[in-house]
Amino acid sequence: MRAAVLRALSKGRAGGKLTPVPITRAVRWVLRRNGPVEVGRLFQVSKQLLRQDWEEARAAIGRPDLLFKDLRHSFAQALEDAGAGDMITD
């Protein structure tokens, strides 16, 4: 049996590039059972809605000065403190 690879469009860190996904037995079963399906966008969220939610969250905790990068730095420090600093990427 030869190895098969599906190339899926990535929306995450790969920045919209085609990313190879190995076709395992489980993936093959799902594809055969369901056939090709166009799912469209999974999350119907606009930049404006994200901004509104962020502003409301900052107001709710009384921290209008909080930046999103502050959360990233806090999470990285928590990983470091837990001994999992090697999981932090550049």
C-alpha atoms as a PDB file:
ATOM      1  CA  MET A   1       0.000   0.000   0.000  1.00  0.00           C
ATOM      2  CA  ARG A   2       1.492   3.328  -0.966  1.00  0.00           C
ATOM      3  CA  ALA A   3       1.384   6.378   1.285  1.00  0.00           C
ATOM      4  CA  ALA A   4      -1.155   9.020   0.378  1.00  0.00           C
ATOM      5  CA  VAL A   5      -1.119  12.689   1.256  1.00  0.00           C
ATOM      6  CA  LEU A   6      -3.930  15.210   1.107  1.00  0.00           C
ATOM      7  CA  ARG A   7      -2.954  18.837   0.608  1.00  0.00           C
ATOM      8  CA  ALA A   8      -5.224  21.102   2.638  1.00  0.00           C
ATOM      9  CA  LEU A   9      -5.302  24.877   2.624  1.00  0.00           C
ATOM     10  CA  SER A  10      -4.058  26.062   6.002  1.00  0.00           C
ATOM     11  CA  LYS A  11      -5.535  29.142   7.652  1.00  0.00           C
ATOM     12  CA  GLY A  12      -3.243  29.096  10.700  1.00  0.00           C
ATOM     13  CA  ARG A  13       0.497  29.610  11.024  1.00  0.00           C
ATOM     14  CA  ALA A  14       1.155  28.405   7.476  1.00  0.00           C
ATOM     15  CA  GLY A  15      -0.562  31.539   6.193  1.00  0.00           C
ATOM     16  CA  GLY A  16      -2.911  30.065   3.614  1.00  0.00           C
ATOM     17  CA  LYS A  17      -0.370  27.670   2.112  1.00  0.00           C
ATOM     18  CA  LEU A  18      -1.149  24.136   1.040  1.00  0.00           C
ATOM     19  CA  THR A  19      -0.144  21.877   3.909  1.00  0.00           C
ATOM     20  CA  PRO A  20       0.433  18.124   3.509  1.00  0.00           C
ATOM     21  CA  VAL A  21      -1.844  15.953   5.656  1.00  0.00           C
ATOM     22  CA  PRO A  22      -1.103  12.204   5.780  1.00  0.00           C
ATOM     23  CA  ILE A  23      -4.051  10.050   4.773  1.00  0.00           C
ATOM     24  CA  THR A  24      -4.339   7.603   7.639  1.00  0.00           C
ATOM     25  CA  ARG A  25      -6.775   4.726   7.749  1.00  0.00           C
ATOM     26  CA  ALA A  26      -9.205   6.861   9.780  1.00  0.00           C
ATOM     27  CA  VAL A  27      -8.987   9.777   7.341  1.00  0.00           C
ATOM     28  CA  ARG A  28      -9.495   7.441   4.392  1.00  0.00           C
ATOM     29  CA  TRP A  29     -12.606   5.977   6.058  1.00  0.00           C
ATOM     30  CA  VAL A  30     -14.097   9.444   6.660  1.00  0.00           C
ATOM     31  CA  LEU A  31     -13.416  10.517   3.079  1.00  0.00           C
ATOM     32  CA  ARG A  32     -14.989   7.377   1.630  1.00  0.00           C
ATOM     33  CA  ARG A  33     -18.001   7.575   3.906  1.00  0.00           C
ATOM     34  CA  ASN A  34     -18.728  11.278   3.458  1.00  0.00           C
ATOM     35  CA  GLY A  35     -17.247  12.060   0.080  1.00  0.00           C
ATOM     36  CA  PRO A  36     -15.963  15.514  -0.760  1.00  0.00           C
ATOM     37  CA  VAL A  37     -17.703  18.210   1.230  1.00  0.00           C
ATOM     38  CA  GLU A  38     -17.399  21.968   0.829  1.00  0.00           C
ATOM     39  CA  VAL A  39     -17.705  23.369   4.332  1.00  0.00           C
ATOM     40  CA  GLY A  40     -17.071  27.020   3.610  1.00  0.00           C
ATOM     41  CA  ARG A  41     -15.885  29.260   6.393  1.00  0.00           C
ATOM     42  CA  LEU A  42     -15.987  27.695   9.832  1.00  0.00           C
ATOM     43  CA  PHE A  43     -16.058  30.905  11.837  1.00  0.00           C
ATOM     44  CA  GLN A  44     -18.138  33.774  10.496  1.00  0.00           C
ATOM     45  CA  VAL A  45     -16.360  36.501  12.439  1.00  0.00           C
ATOM     46  CA  SER A  46     -15.276  39.886  11.163  1.00  0.00           C
ATOM     47  CA  LYS A  47     -12.430  42.038  12.440  1.00  0.00           C
ATOM     48  CA  GLN A  48     -15.018  44.483  13.741  1.00  0.00           C
ATOM     49  CA  LEU A  49     -16.754  41.801  15.835  1.00  0.00           C
ATOM     50  CA  LEU A  50     -13.428  40.637  17.251  1.00  0.00           C
ATOM     51  CA  ARG A  51     -12.505  44.214  18.133  1.00  0.00           C
ATOM     52  CA  GLN A  52     -15.887  44.775  19.802  1.00  0.00           C
ATOM     53  CA  ASP A  53     -15.554  41.577  21.857  1.00  0.00           C
ATOM     54  CA  TRP A  54     -12.010  42.503  22.868  1.00  0.00           C
ATOM     55  CA  GLU A  55     -13.066  45.987  23.969  1.00  0.00           C
ATOM     56  CA  GLU A  56     -15.977  44.569  25.986  1.00  0.00           C
ATOM     57  CA  ALA A  57     -13.716  41.987  27.675  1.00  0.00           C
ATOM     58  CA  ARG A  58     -11.153  44.655  28.607  1.00  0.00           C
ATOM     59  CA  ALA A  59     -13.898  46.847  30.056  1.00  0.00           C
ATOM     60  CA  ALA A  60     -15.422  43.922  31.976  1.00  0.00           C
ATOM     61  CA  ILE A  61     -12.157  43.219  33.822  1.00  0.00           C
ATOM     62  CA  GLY A  62     -11.379  46.907  34.327  1.00  0.00           C
ATOM     63  CA  ARG A  63      -8.216  46.825  32.192  1.00  0.00           C
ATOM     64  CA  PRO A  64      -8.757  49.118  29.188  1.00  0.00           C
ATOM     65  CA  ASP A  65      -4.952  49.266  28.778  1.00  0.00           C
ATOM     66  CA  LEU A  66      -4.545  45.493  28.291  1.00  0.00           C
ATOM     67  CA  LEU A  67      -3.036  44.485  24.957  1.00  0.00           C
ATOM     68  CA  PHE A  68      -3.396  41.099  23.301  1.00  0.00           C
ATOM     69  CA  LYS A  69       0.380  40.666  23.316  1.00  0.00           C
ATOM     70  CA  ASP A  70       0.259  40.941  27.122  1.00  0.00           C
ATOM     71  CA  LEU A  71      -1.727  37.693  27.193  1.00  0.00           C
ATOM     72  CA  ARG A  72       0.810  36.019  24.922  1.00  0.00           C
ATOM     73  CA  HIS A  73       3.684  37.097  27.180  1.00  0.00           C
ATOM     74  CA  SER A  74       1.833  35.956  30.313  1.00  0.00           C
ATOM     75  CA  PHE A  75       1.187  32.546  28.762  1.00  0.00           C
ATOM     76  CA  ALA A  76       4.832  32.209  27.722  1.00  0.00           C
ATOM     77  CA  GLN A  77       5.948  33.063  31.259  1.00  0.00           C
ATOM     78  CA  ALA A  78       3.530  30.497  32.716  1.00  0.00           C
ATOM     79  CA  LEU A  79       5.004  27.839  30.407  1.00  0.00           C
ATOM     80  CA  GLU A  80       8.520  28.806  31.488  1.00  0.00           C
ATOM     81  CA  ASP A  81       7.534  28.693  35.181  1.00  0.00           C
ATOM     82  CA  ALA A  82       5.987  25.237  34.687  1.00  0.00           C
ATOM     83  CA  GLY A  83       9.225  23.914  33.200  1.00  0.00           C
ATOM     84  CA  ALA A  84       7.839  23.775  29.670  1.00  0.00           C
ATOM     85  CA  GLY A  85       9.892  26.636  28.274  1.00  0.00           C
ATOM     86  CA  ASP A  86      11.063  24.462  25.387  1.00  0.00           C
ATOM     87  CA  MET A  87       7.500  24.659  24.021  1.00  0.00           C
ATOM     88  CA  ILE A  88       7.833  28.394  23.472  1.00  0.00           C
ATOM     89  CA  THR A  89       8.593  29.169  19.842  1.00  0.00           C
ATOM     90  CA  ASP A  90      10.400  32.140  18.452  1.00  0.00           C
END
